[in-house]
Amino acid sequence: MLHKTESSKMFGTVVVGVGIAGLARIRDLMNPMPSSPSEHLKLLGFVSRRSFGNINEAKQISLEDALRSKEVHAAFISTENRSHEETIRMFLEAGKHVLVEYPMALSAKAAHELWEMAEQKDKVLHVEHIELLTEEYKQLKKEVAGKDLVKGTLHFTGSVLDENKSGFPAFSGIARLTWLIDLFGDLTVTSATREKQKDKNYSRMTVHFQTANKKPLTWIEERGPGMRREKKINFCFTSGCLENFPEAPRSSVGLFMQDQNLFAKKLLGQVSKEELAAEKWRILRCLDLAEVIQQYCEEPEKIYS
């Protein structure tokens, strides 16, 4: 059997869901970075429940056609969080590679099942975590590297989310959990609570972790009307405390484009087994922890003997 050379291989791609992320995906697929892995992705159309006709030059196609077409090799799933699981499942079952925006699912069990399914079908399942690709984060990681943590807090504020669509805050806010795991290694949840003021549309989740070295970390996820999207850090090390993000340059490459390049590299077999295994561990570990957090928050009346 003759294989096409890697350099000429093209992957027909569809975008499912055209919210903010979906539109950014369409834009980046239509304008790939010159001589980057993304040049191997060819946008064939997009799927949406709403009727658009065309967006730029991209044409709308039905979900059935996207699943059935032999030309479609990969799907970018940018729907609301609640429908990620079902959509991933459909495209994997149809034998397509999948890129999905975080969180990949709203339960740990579903996430593990989907990952297993992708492996059985020998398909790439890539979960977007652009929070790890920001210059701000890259600088922070450099700053934290090699230091001994004494204690730390990551406090996120943002506007109100519709939880019916976006899921429990430990899942919709999983980008923060990803930061903590990526910076400080594996964590154990020691307690988690959540305060809700329905009339004010206000929610505050507080999670306490321990690192492998038994050091305390706190994650606060707070949302309410008109709250500015902002992250505050306070990480104390044996050498001193870090209370502000280090200065970071602006990246010349957009975050979604960086993520798309990473997905394309996986399709082309250019990412090492070690990197793939570490990424799989991190993604599934964060989803496992999100579920533990949700259980803590939803069962405050449990008495631990």
C-alpha atoms as a PDB file:
ATOM      1  CA  MET A   1       0.000   0.000   0.000  1.00  0.00           C
ATOM      2  CA  LEU A   2       1.346   3.390  -0.910  1.00  0.00           C
ATOM      3  CA  HIS A   3       1.091   6.002   1.809  1.00  0.00           C
ATOM      4  CA  LYS A   4       0.809   9.648   0.964  1.00  0.00           C
ATOM      5  CA  THR A   5       3.851  11.449   2.259  1.00  0.00           C
ATOM      6  CA  GLU A   6       3.256  13.311   5.506  1.00  0.00           C
ATOM      7  CA  SER A   7       3.812  16.595   3.753  1.00  0.00           C
ATOM      8  CA  SER A   8       0.890  16.182   1.368  1.00  0.00           C
ATOM      9  CA  LYS A   9      -1.604  14.676   3.794  1.00  0.00           C
ATOM     10  CA  MET A  10      -4.778  16.743   4.187  1.00  0.00           C
ATOM     11  CA  PHE A  11      -7.462  16.362   6.846  1.00  0.00           C
ATOM     12  CA  GLY A  12     -10.983  17.480   5.952  1.00  0.00           C
ATOM     13  CA  THR A  13     -12.401  19.322   8.963  1.00  0.00           C
ATOM     14  CA  VAL A  14     -15.790  20.554  10.169  1.00  0.00           C
ATOM     15  CA  VAL A  15     -16.553  23.004  12.974  1.00  0.00           C
ATOM     16  CA  VAL A  16     -19.548  22.115  15.159  1.00  0.00           C
ATOM     17  CA  GLY A  17     -21.133  25.078  16.974  1.00  0.00           C
ATOM     18  CA  VAL A  18     -20.583  28.689  15.981  1.00  0.00           C
ATOM     19  CA  GLY A  19     -20.369  30.703  19.183  1.00  0.00           C
ATOM     20  CA  ILE A  20     -17.303  32.820  19.930  1.00  0.00           C
ATOM     21  CA  ALA A  21     -14.946  29.826  19.891  1.00  0.00           C
ATOM     22  CA  GLY A  22     -16.520  28.272  16.798  1.00  0.00           C
ATOM     23  CA  LEU A  23     -16.188  31.515  14.835  1.00  0.00           C
ATOM     24  CA  ALA A  24     -12.542  31.812  15.902  1.00  0.00           C
ATOM     25  CA  ARG A  25     -12.010  28.219  14.727  1.00  0.00           C
ATOM     26  CA  ILE A  26     -13.552  28.930  11.326  1.00  0.00           C
ATOM     27  CA  ARG A  27     -11.375  32.033  10.940  1.00  0.00           C
ATOM     28  CA  ASP A  28      -8.179  30.161  11.862  1.00  0.00           C
ATOM     29  CA  LEU A  29      -8.954  27.164   9.652  1.00  0.00           C
ATOM     30  CA  MET A  30      -9.516  29.495   6.707  1.00  0.00           C
ATOM     31  CA  ASN A  31      -6.289  31.407   7.373  1.00  0.00           C
ATOM     32  CA  PRO A  32      -3.740  28.883   8.595  1.00  0.00           C
ATOM     33  CA  MET A  33      -0.300  30.051   9.647  1.00  0.00           C
ATOM     34  CA  PRO A  34       2.051  29.724   6.671  1.00  0.00           C
ATOM     35  CA  SER A  35       4.185  26.555   6.750  1.00  0.00           C
ATOM     36  CA  SER A  36       2.627  25.392  10.039  1.00  0.00           C
ATOM     37  CA  PRO A  37       0.974  22.024  10.735  1.00  0.00           C
ATOM     38  CA  SER A  38      -2.398  23.791  10.359  1.00  0.00           C
ATOM     39  CA  GLU A  39      -1.893  23.889   6.605  1.00  0.00           C
ATOM     40  CA  HIS A  40      -2.835  20.209   6.649  1.00  0.00           C
ATOM     41  CA  LEU A  41      -6.369  21.026   7.843  1.00  0.00           C
ATOM     42  CA  LYS A  42      -8.971  21.844   5.211  1.00  0.00           C
ATOM     43  CA  LEU A  43     -12.233  23.386   6.381  1.00  0.00           C
ATOM     44  CA  LEU A  44     -15.128  21.653   4.619  1.00  0.00           C
ATOM     45  CA  GLY A  45     -17.971  23.383   6.433  1.00  0.00           C
ATOM     46  CA  PHE A  46     -19.661  23.994   9.780  1.00  0.00           C
ATOM     47  CA  VAL A  47     -22.598  22.535  11.662  1.00  0.00           C
ATOM     48  CA  SER A  48     -25.051  24.615  13.669  1.00  0.00           C
ATOM     49  CA  ARG A  49     -28.588  24.258  15.000  1.00  0.00           C
ATOM     50  CA  ARG A  50     -29.223  27.786  13.801  1.00  0.00           C
ATOM     51  CA  SER A  51     -29.470  28.499  10.106  1.00  0.00           C
ATOM     52  CA  PHE A  52     -26.664  30.658   8.686  1.00  0.00           C
ATOM     53  CA  GLY A  53     -26.126  29.597   5.098  1.00  0.00           C
ATOM     54  CA  ASN A  54     -22.498  30.698   4.813  1.00  0.00           C
ATOM     55  CA  ILE A  55     -19.998  32.278   7.176  1.00  0.00           C
ATOM     56  CA  ASN A  56     -17.237  33.969   5.200  1.00  0.00           C
ATOM     57  CA  GLU A  57     -16.615  31.270   2.569  1.00  0.00           C
ATOM     58  CA  ALA A  58     -17.477  28.380   4.887  1.00  0.00           C
ATOM     59  CA  LYS A  59     -20.701  26.597   4.068  1.00  0.00           C
ATOM     60  CA  GLN A  60     -23.205  25.174   6.515  1.00  0.00           C
ATOM     61  CA  ILE A  61     -23.681  21.409   6.385  1.00  0.00           C
ATOM     62  CA  SER A  62     -25.965  19.073   8.315  1.00  0.00           C
ATOM     63  CA  LEU A  63     -24.737  17.027  11.265  1.00  0.00           C
ATOM     64  CA  GLU A  64     -25.684  13.853   9.374  1.00  0.00           C
ATOM     65  CA  ASP A  65     -23.554  14.829   6.378  1.00  0.00           C
ATOM     66  CA  ALA A  66     -20.609  15.709   8.609  1.00  0.00           C
ATOM     67  CA  LEU A  67     -20.791  12.314  10.321  1.00  0.00           C
ATOM     68  CA  ARG A  68     -21.343  10.359   7.103  1.00  0.00           C
ATOM     69  CA  SER A  69     -18.943  12.066   4.728  1.00  0.00           C
ATOM     70  CA  LYS A  70     -15.761  10.140   3.928  1.00  0.00           C
ATOM     71  CA  GLU A  71     -14.145  13.501   3.219  1.00  0.00           C
ATOM     72  CA  VAL A  72     -14.510  14.641   6.823  1.00  0.00           C
ATOM     73  CA  HIS A  73     -11.607  13.332   8.902  1.00  0.00           C
ATOM     74  CA  ALA A  74     -11.848  15.617  11.934  1.00  0.00           C
ATOM     75  CA  ALA A  75     -14.379  17.660  13.900  1.00  0.00           C
ATOM     76  CA  PHE A  76     -13.782  20.784  15.993  1.00  0.00           C
ATOM     77  CA  ILE A  77     -16.448  20.770  18.702  1.00  0.00           C
ATOM     78  CA  SER A  78     -17.267  24.260  19.955  1.00  0.00           C
ATOM     79  CA  THR A  79     -20.796  23.705  21.231  1.00  0.00           C
ATOM     80  CA  GLU A  80     -21.941  24.539  24.761  1.00  0.00           C
ATOM     81  CA  ASN A  81     -20.310  22.408  27.465  1.00  0.00           C
ATOM     82  CA  ARG A  82     -23.438  20.379  28.175  1.00  0.00           C
ATOM     83  CA  SER A  83     -23.421  18.807  24.695  1.00  0.00           C
ATOM     84  CA  HIS A  84     -19.667  18.119  24.367  1.00  0.00           C
ATOM     85  CA  GLU A  85     -19.929  14.513  25.543  1.00  0.00           C
ATOM     86  CA  GLU A  86     -22.684  13.480  23.141  1.00  0.00           C
ATOM     87  CA  THR A  87     -21.073  15.275  20.188  1.00  0.00           C
ATOM     88  CA  ILE A  88     -17.620  13.751  20.815  1.00  0.00           C
ATOM     89  CA  ARG A  89     -19.223  10.315  21.045  1.00  0.00           C
ATOM     90  CA  MET A  90     -21.027  10.722  17.712  1.00  0.00           C
ATOM     91  CA  PHE A  91     -17.909  11.812  15.844  1.00  0.00           C
ATOM     92  CA  LEU A  92     -15.675   9.131  17.389  1.00  0.00           C
ATOM     93  CA  GLU A  93     -18.290   6.496  16.559  1.00  0.00           C
ATOM     94  CA  ALA A  94     -18.239   7.780  12.989  1.00  0.00           C
ATOM     95  CA  GLY A  95     -14.459   7.277  12.952  1.00  0.00           C
ATOM     96  CA  LYS A  96     -13.428  10.946  13.055  1.00  0.00           C
ATOM     97  CA  HIS A  97     -10.643  12.654  14.966  1.00  0.00           C
ATOM     98  CA  VAL A  98     -11.919  15.190  17.501  1.00  0.00           C
ATOM     99  CA  LEU A  99     -10.787  18.532  18.875  1.00  0.00           C
ATOM    100  CA  VAL A 100     -13.068  19.775  21.652  1.00  0.00           C
ATOM    101  CA  GLU A 101     -13.072  22.939  23.747  1.00  0.00           C
ATOM    102  CA  TYR A 102     -12.653  22.327  27.505  1.00  0.00           C
ATOM    103  CA  PRO A 103     -14.236  20.794  29.531  1.00  0.00           C
ATOM    104  CA  MET A 104     -14.441  17.654  27.371  1.00  0.00           C
ATOM    105  CA  ALA A 105     -17.326  16.348  29.499  1.00  0.00           C
ATOM    106  CA  LEU A 106     -19.257  17.234  32.645  1.00  0.00           C
ATOM    107  CA  SER A 107     -18.534  13.959  34.422  1.00  0.00           C
ATOM    108  CA  ALA A 108     -15.291  12.080  34.989  1.00  0.00           C
ATOM    109  CA  LYS A 109     -16.856   8.755  33.978  1.00  0.00           C
ATOM    110  CA  ALA A 110     -17.880  10.106  30.583  1.00  0.00           C
ATOM    111  CA  ALA A 111     -14.427  11.584  30.029  1.00  0.00           C
ATOM    112  CA  HIS A 112     -12.686   8.275  30.746  1.00  0.00           C
ATOM    113  CA  GLU A 113     -15.129   6.407  28.473  1.00  0.00           C
ATOM    114  CA  LEU A 114     -14.614   8.825  25.599  1.00  0.00           C
ATOM    115  CA  TRP A 115     -10.844   8.655  25.938  1.00  0.00           C
ATOM    116  CA  GLU A 116     -10.988   4.853  25.879  1.00  0.00           C
ATOM    117  CA  MET A 117     -13.198   4.970  22.819  1.00  0.00           C
ATOM    118  CA  ALA A 118     -10.769   7.254  20.978  1.00  0.00           C
ATOM    119  CA  GLU A 119      -7.909   4.880  21.786  1.00  0.00           C
ATOM    120  CA  GLN A 120      -9.880   1.824  20.641  1.00  0.00           C
ATOM    121  CA  LYS A 121     -10.697   3.541  17.355  1.00  0.00           C
ATOM    122  CA  ASP A 122      -7.146   4.864  17.017  1.00  0.00           C
ATOM    123  CA  LYS A 123      -8.381   8.456  16.747  1.00  0.00           C
ATOM    124  CA  VAL A 124      -6.930  11.658  18.136  1.00  0.00           C
ATOM    125  CA  LEU A 125      -9.031  13.173  20.934  1.00  0.00           C
ATOM    126  CA  HIS A 126      -7.593  16.595  21.654  1.00  0.00           C
ATOM    127  CA  VAL A 127      -8.945  18.848  24.390  1.00  0.00           C
ATOM    128  CA  GLU A 128      -8.306  22.571  24.014  1.00  0.00           C
ATOM    129  CA  HIS A 129      -6.657  24.134  27.054  1.00  0.00           C
ATOM    130  CA  ILE A 130      -5.524  27.502  25.724  1.00  0.00           C
ATOM    131  CA  GLU A 131      -5.057  28.766  29.289  1.00  0.00           C
ATOM    132  CA  LEU A 132      -1.732  26.886  29.222  1.00  0.00           C
ATOM    133  CA  LEU A 133      -0.696  28.649  26.011  1.00  0.00           C
ATOM    134  CA  THR A 134      -1.017  32.282  27.156  1.00  0.00           C
ATOM    135  CA  GLU A 135       2.190  34.288  27.526  1.00  0.00           C
ATOM    136  CA  GLU A 136       0.983  35.297  30.993  1.00  0.00           C
ATOM    137  CA  TYR A 137       0.871  31.653  32.022  1.00  0.00           C
ATOM    138  CA  LYS A 138       4.173  30.720  30.387  1.00  0.00           C
ATOM    139  CA  GLN A 139       5.900  33.496  32.359  1.00  0.00           C
ATOM    140  CA  LEU A 140       4.170  32.452  35.559  1.00  0.00           C
ATOM    141  CA  LYS A 141       5.327  28.861  35.072  1.00  0.00           C
ATOM    142  CA  LYS A 142       8.931  30.037  34.604  1.00  0.00           C
ATOM    143  CA  GLU A 143       8.646  32.136  37.752  1.00  0.00           C
ATOM    144  CA  VAL A 144       7.296  29.230  39.835  1.00  0.00           C
ATOM    145  CA  ALA A 145       9.726  26.609  38.482  1.00  0.00           C
ATOM    146  CA  GLY A 146      12.095  25.165  41.069  1.00  0.00           C
ATOM    147  CA  LYS A 147      10.551  27.013  44.022  1.00  0.00           C
ATOM    148  CA  ASP A 148       9.222  25.344  47.163  1.00  0.00           C
ATOM    149  CA  LEU A 149       5.576  26.153  47.775  1.00  0.00           C
ATOM    150  CA  VAL A 150       4.477  27.016  51.303  1.00  0.00           C
ATOM    151  CA  LYS A 151       0.849  27.903  50.452  1.00  0.00           C
ATOM    152  CA  GLY A 152      -1.081  29.516  47.644  1.00  0.00           C
ATOM    153  CA  THR A 153      -4.377  30.900  46.365  1.00  0.00           C
ATOM    154  CA  LEU A 154      -5.825  31.329  42.878  1.00  0.00           C
ATOM    155  CA  HIS A 155      -8.928  33.511  42.819  1.00  0.00           C
ATOM    156  CA  PHE A 156     -10.982  33.857  39.636  1.00  0.00           C
ATOM    157  CA  THR A 157     -13.873  36.245  39.112  1.00  0.00           C
ATOM    158  CA  GLY A 158     -16.151  36.473  36.093  1.00  0.00           C
ATOM    159  CA  SER A 159     -19.627  37.198  34.836  1.00  0.00           C
ATOM    160  CA  VAL A 160     -22.604  34.889  35.359  1.00  0.00           C
ATOM    161  CA  LEU A 161     -22.725  31.589  33.457  1.00  0.00           C
ATOM    162  CA  ASP A 162     -25.837  29.574  32.700  1.00  0.00           C
ATOM    163  CA  GLU A 163     -25.028  26.388  34.588  1.00  0.00           C
ATOM    164  CA  ASN A 164     -27.602  24.367  32.668  1.00  0.00           C
ATOM    165  CA  LYS A 165     -25.385  24.907  29.633  1.00  0.00           C
ATOM    166  CA  SER A 166     -21.915  25.252  31.129  1.00  0.00           C
ATOM    167  CA  GLY A 167     -22.113  22.751  34.006  1.00  0.00           C
ATOM    168  CA  PHE A 168     -20.966  22.905  37.621  1.00  0.00           C
ATOM    169  CA  PRO A 169     -18.272  25.577  38.314  1.00  0.00           C
ATOM    170  CA  ALA A 170     -15.554  22.978  38.955  1.00  0.00           C
ATOM    171  CA  PHE A 171     -16.055  21.853  35.336  1.00  0.00           C
ATOM    172  CA  SER A 172     -16.724  25.205  33.647  1.00  0.00           C
ATOM    173  CA  GLY A 173     -13.754  26.627  35.580  1.00  0.00           C
ATOM    174  CA  ILE A 174     -11.458  23.701  34.884  1.00  0.00           C
ATOM    175  CA  ALA A 175      -8.898  26.038  33.294  1.00  0.00           C
ATOM    176  CA  ARG A 176      -7.991  27.207  36.809  1.00  0.00           C
ATOM    177  CA  LEU A 177      -7.630  23.644  38.065  1.00  0.00           C
ATOM    178  CA  THR A 178      -5.424  22.878  35.060  1.00  0.00           C
ATOM    179  CA  TRP A 179      -3.120  25.759  36.015  1.00  0.00           C
ATOM    180  CA  LEU A 180      -2.763  24.498  39.584  1.00  0.00           C
ATOM    181  CA  ILE A 181      -2.040  20.904  38.548  1.00  0.00           C
ATOM    182  CA  ASP A 182       0.376  22.026  35.845  1.00  0.00           C
ATOM    183  CA  LEU A 183       2.218  24.354  38.258  1.00  0.00           C
ATOM    184  CA  PHE A 184       2.268  22.265  41.435  1.00  0.00           C
ATOM    185  CA  GLY A 185       1.743  18.629  40.407  1.00  0.00           C
ATOM    186  CA  ASP A 186      -0.926  16.275  41.646  1.00  0.00           C
ATOM    187  CA  LEU A 187      -3.411  17.601  44.215  1.00  0.00           C
ATOM    188  CA  THR A 188      -5.848  16.103  46.692  1.00  0.00           C
ATOM    189  CA  VAL A 189      -9.112  17.835  47.590  1.00  0.00           C
ATOM    190  CA  THR A 190      -9.380  18.331  51.358  1.00  0.00           C
ATOM    191  CA  SER A 191     -12.666  20.276  51.322  1.00  0.00           C
ATOM    192  CA  ALA A 192     -14.917  22.271  49.011  1.00  0.00           C
ATOM    193  CA  THR A 193     -17.932  24.469  49.600  1.00  0.00           C
ATOM    194  CA  ARG A 194     -20.138  26.649  47.528  1.00  0.00           C
ATOM    195  CA  GLU A 195     -22.173  29.696  48.352  1.00  0.00           C
ATOM    196  CA  LYS A 196     -25.059  30.638  46.074  1.00  0.00           C
ATOM    197  CA  GLN A 197     -27.306  33.681  46.182  1.00  0.00           C
ATOM    198  CA  LYS A 198     -30.010  32.893  43.640  1.00  0.00           C
ATOM    199  CA  ASP A 199     -31.727  36.274  43.877  1.00  0.00           C
ATOM    200  CA  LYS A 200     -28.408  38.028  43.153  1.00  0.00           C
ATOM    201  CA  ASN A 201     -27.271  35.461  40.564  1.00  0.00           C
ATOM    202  CA  TYR A 202     -24.080  35.127  42.614  1.00  0.00           C
ATOM    203  CA  SER A 203     -21.925  32.029  43.113  1.00  0.00           C
ATOM    204  CA  ARG A 204     -18.674  31.449  44.975  1.00  0.00           C
ATOM    205  CA  MET A 205     -16.948  28.080  45.100  1.00  0.00           C
ATOM    206  CA  THR A 206     -14.021  27.596  47.489  1.00  0.00           C
ATOM    207  CA  VAL A 207     -11.800  24.541  47.178  1.00  0.00           C
ATOM    208  CA  HIS A 208      -8.960  23.508  49.485  1.00  0.00           C
ATOM    209  CA  PHE A 209      -6.268  21.198  48.175  1.00  0.00           C
ATOM    210  CA  GLN A 210      -3.081  19.644  49.427  1.00  0.00           C
ATOM    211  CA  THR A 211      -0.040  19.127  47.237  1.00  0.00           C
ATOM    212  CA  ALA A 212       1.906  15.848  47.338  1.00  0.00           C
ATOM    213  CA  ASN A 213       4.114  17.573  49.959  1.00  0.00           C
ATOM    214  CA  LYS A 214       1.055  18.392  52.086  1.00  0.00           C
ATOM    215  CA  LYS A 215       1.148  22.122  51.276  1.00  0.00           C
ATOM    216  CA  PRO A 216      -2.211  23.950  51.144  1.00  0.00           C
ATOM    217  CA  LEU A 217      -3.614  25.484  47.955  1.00  0.00           C
ATOM    218  CA  THR A 218      -6.939  27.308  47.631  1.00  0.00           C
ATOM    219  CA  TRP A 219      -8.995  27.856  44.486  1.00  0.00           C
ATOM    220  CA  ILE A 220     -11.837  30.368  44.544  1.00  0.00           C
ATOM    221  CA  GLU A 221     -14.202  30.592  41.561  1.00  0.00           C
ATOM    222  CA  GLU A 222     -16.535  33.547  41.942  1.00  0.00           C
ATOM    223  CA  ARG A 223     -19.158  34.759  39.491  1.00  0.00           C
ATOM    224  CA  GLY A 224     -21.786  37.467  39.631  1.00  0.00           C
ATOM    225  CA  PRO A 225     -23.426  40.172  37.528  1.00  0.00           C
ATOM    226  CA  GLY A 226     -20.918  42.733  36.291  1.00  0.00           C
ATOM    227  CA  MET A 227     -17.911  40.999  37.863  1.00  0.00           C
ATOM    228  CA  ARG A 228     -14.756  41.648  35.881  1.00  0.00           C
ATOM    229  CA  ARG A 229     -13.042  38.665  34.330  1.00  0.00           C
ATOM    230  CA  GLU A 230      -9.890  38.525  36.370  1.00  0.00           C
ATOM    231  CA  LYS A 231      -7.430  36.171  38.051  1.00  0.00           C
ATOM    232  CA  LYS A 232      -5.582  36.993  41.245  1.00  0.00           C
ATOM    233  CA  ILE A 233      -2.724  34.921  42.592  1.00  0.00           C
ATOM    234  CA  ASN A 234      -0.920  34.697  45.889  1.00  0.00           C
ATOM    235  CA  PHE A 235       1.676  31.962  45.896  1.00  0.00           C
ATOM    236  CA  CYS A 236       4.083  31.885  48.825  1.00  0.00           C
ATOM    237  CA  PHE A 237       7.371  30.045  48.540  1.00  0.00           C
ATOM    238  CA  THR A 238      10.202  29.518  50.992  1.00  0.00           C
ATOM    239  CA  SER A 239      11.946  32.308  49.039  1.00  0.00           C
ATOM    240  CA  GLY A 240       9.062  34.813  49.178  1.00  0.00           C
ATOM    241  CA  CYS A 241       5.560  35.478  47.816  1.00  0.00           C
ATOM    242  CA  LEU A 242       4.329  36.060  44.288  1.00  0.00           C
ATOM    243  CA  GLU A 243       1.264  38.311  44.289  1.00  0.00           C
ATOM    244  CA  ASN A 244       1.253  39.673  40.777  1.00  0.00           C
ATOM    245  CA  PHE A 245       1.585  38.065  37.389  1.00  0.00           C
ATOM    246  CA  PRO A 246       5.025  38.577  35.890  1.00  0.00           C
ATOM    247  CA  GLU A 247       5.164  40.935  32.902  1.00  0.00           C
ATOM    248  CA  ALA A 248       4.521  38.996  29.723  1.00  0.00           C
ATOM    249  CA  PRO A 249       5.031  39.923  26.067  1.00  0.00           C
ATOM    250  CA  ARG A 250       2.136  39.691  23.631  1.00  0.00           C
ATOM    251  CA  SER A 251       2.225  36.556  21.523  1.00  0.00           C
ATOM    252  CA  SER A 252       2.327  37.001  17.767  1.00  0.00           C
ATOM    253  CA  VAL A 253       0.316  33.790  17.298  1.00  0.00           C
ATOM    254  CA  GLY A 254      -3.300  33.630  18.516  1.00  0.00           C
ATOM    255  CA  LEU A 255      -4.180  31.069  21.187  1.00  0.00           C
ATOM    256  CA  PHE A 256      -6.676  29.131  19.085  1.00  0.00           C
ATOM    257  CA  MET A 257      -4.139  28.992  16.252  1.00  0.00           C
ATOM    258  CA  GLN A 258      -1.492  27.608  18.626  1.00  0.00           C
ATOM    259  CA  ASP A 259      -3.999  24.995  19.799  1.00  0.00           C
ATOM    260  CA  GLN A 260      -4.967  24.139  16.209  1.00  0.00           C
ATOM    261  CA  ASN A 261      -1.284  23.637  15.324  1.00  0.00           C
ATOM    262  CA  LEU A 262      -0.942  21.240  18.249  1.00  0.00           C
ATOM    263  CA  PHE A 263      -3.967  19.227  17.064  1.00  0.00           C
ATOM    264  CA  ALA A 264      -2.588  19.097  13.519  1.00  0.00           C
ATOM    265  CA  LYS A 265       0.783  17.905  14.870  1.00  0.00           C
ATOM    266  CA  LYS A 266      -1.007  15.045  16.616  1.00  0.00           C
ATOM    267  CA  LEU A 267      -2.790  14.109  13.398  1.00  0.00           C
ATOM    268  CA  LEU A 268       0.554  14.068  11.618  1.00  0.00           C
ATOM    269  CA  GLY A 269       2.095  11.878  14.320  1.00  0.00           C
ATOM    270  CA  GLN A 270       4.571  14.568  15.379  1.00  0.00           C
ATOM    271  CA  VAL A 271       3.868  14.552  19.140  1.00  0.00           C
ATOM    272  CA  SER A 272       5.824  12.119  21.336  1.00  0.00           C
ATOM    273  CA  LYS A 273       4.146   9.288  23.232  1.00  0.00           C
ATOM    274  CA  GLU A 274       5.465  10.799  26.481  1.00  0.00           C
ATOM    275  CA  GLU A 275       3.834  14.173  25.798  1.00  0.00           C
ATOM    276  CA  LEU A 276       0.555  12.528  24.822  1.00  0.00           C
ATOM    277  CA  ALA A 277       0.548  10.383  27.965  1.00  0.00           C
ATOM    278  CA  ALA A 278       1.299  13.358  30.240  1.00  0.00           C
ATOM    279  CA  GLU A 279      -1.460  15.387  28.615  1.00  0.00           C
ATOM    280  CA  LYS A 280      -3.973  12.545  28.927  1.00  0.00           C
ATOM    281  CA  TRP A 281      -3.106  12.151  32.623  1.00  0.00           C
ATOM    282  CA  ARG A 282      -3.504  15.892  33.270  1.00  0.00           C
ATOM    283  CA  ILE A 283      -6.831  16.230  31.472  1.00  0.00           C
ATOM    284  CA  LEU A 284      -8.426  13.186  33.087  1.00  0.00           C
ATOM    285  CA  ARG A 285      -6.960  13.977  36.515  1.00  0.00           C
ATOM    286  CA  CYS A 286      -8.461  17.480  36.431  1.00  0.00           C
ATOM    287  CA  LEU A 287     -11.869  16.078  35.461  1.00  0.00           C
ATOM    288  CA  ASP A 288     -11.642  13.479  38.267  1.00  0.00           C
ATOM    289  CA  LEU A 289     -10.900  16.289  40.735  1.00  0.00           C
ATOM    290  CA  ALA A 290     -13.714  18.458  39.341  1.00  0.00           C
ATOM    291  CA  GLU A 291     -16.124  15.643  40.092  1.00  0.00           C
ATOM    292  CA  VAL A 292     -14.793  15.192  43.646  1.00  0.00           C
ATOM    293  CA  ILE A 293     -15.217  18.959  44.173  1.00  0.00           C
ATOM    294  CA  GLN A 294     -18.794  18.854  42.906  1.00  0.00           C
ATOM    295  CA  GLN A 295     -19.583  15.972  45.274  1.00  0.00           C
ATOM    296  CA  TYR A 296     -18.147  17.876  48.251  1.00  0.00           C
ATOM    297  CA  CYS A 297     -20.150  20.983  47.371  1.00  0.00           C
ATOM    298  CA  GLU A 298     -23.405  19.129  46.822  1.00  0.00           C
ATOM    299  CA  GLU A 299     -23.256  16.972  49.976  1.00  0.00           C
ATOM    300  CA  PRO A 300     -22.490  19.371  52.792  1.00  0.00           C
ATOM    301  CA  GLU A 301     -24.704  17.492  55.215  1.00  0.00           C
ATOM    302  CA  LYS A 302     -22.591  14.321  55.073  1.00  0.00           C
ATOM    303  CA  ILE A 303     -21.138  13.507  58.471  1.00  0.00           C
ATOM    304  CA  TYR A 304     -17.682  11.966  58.223  1.00  0.00           C
ATOM    305  CA  SER A 305     -17.209   9.560  61.096  1.00  0.00           C
END
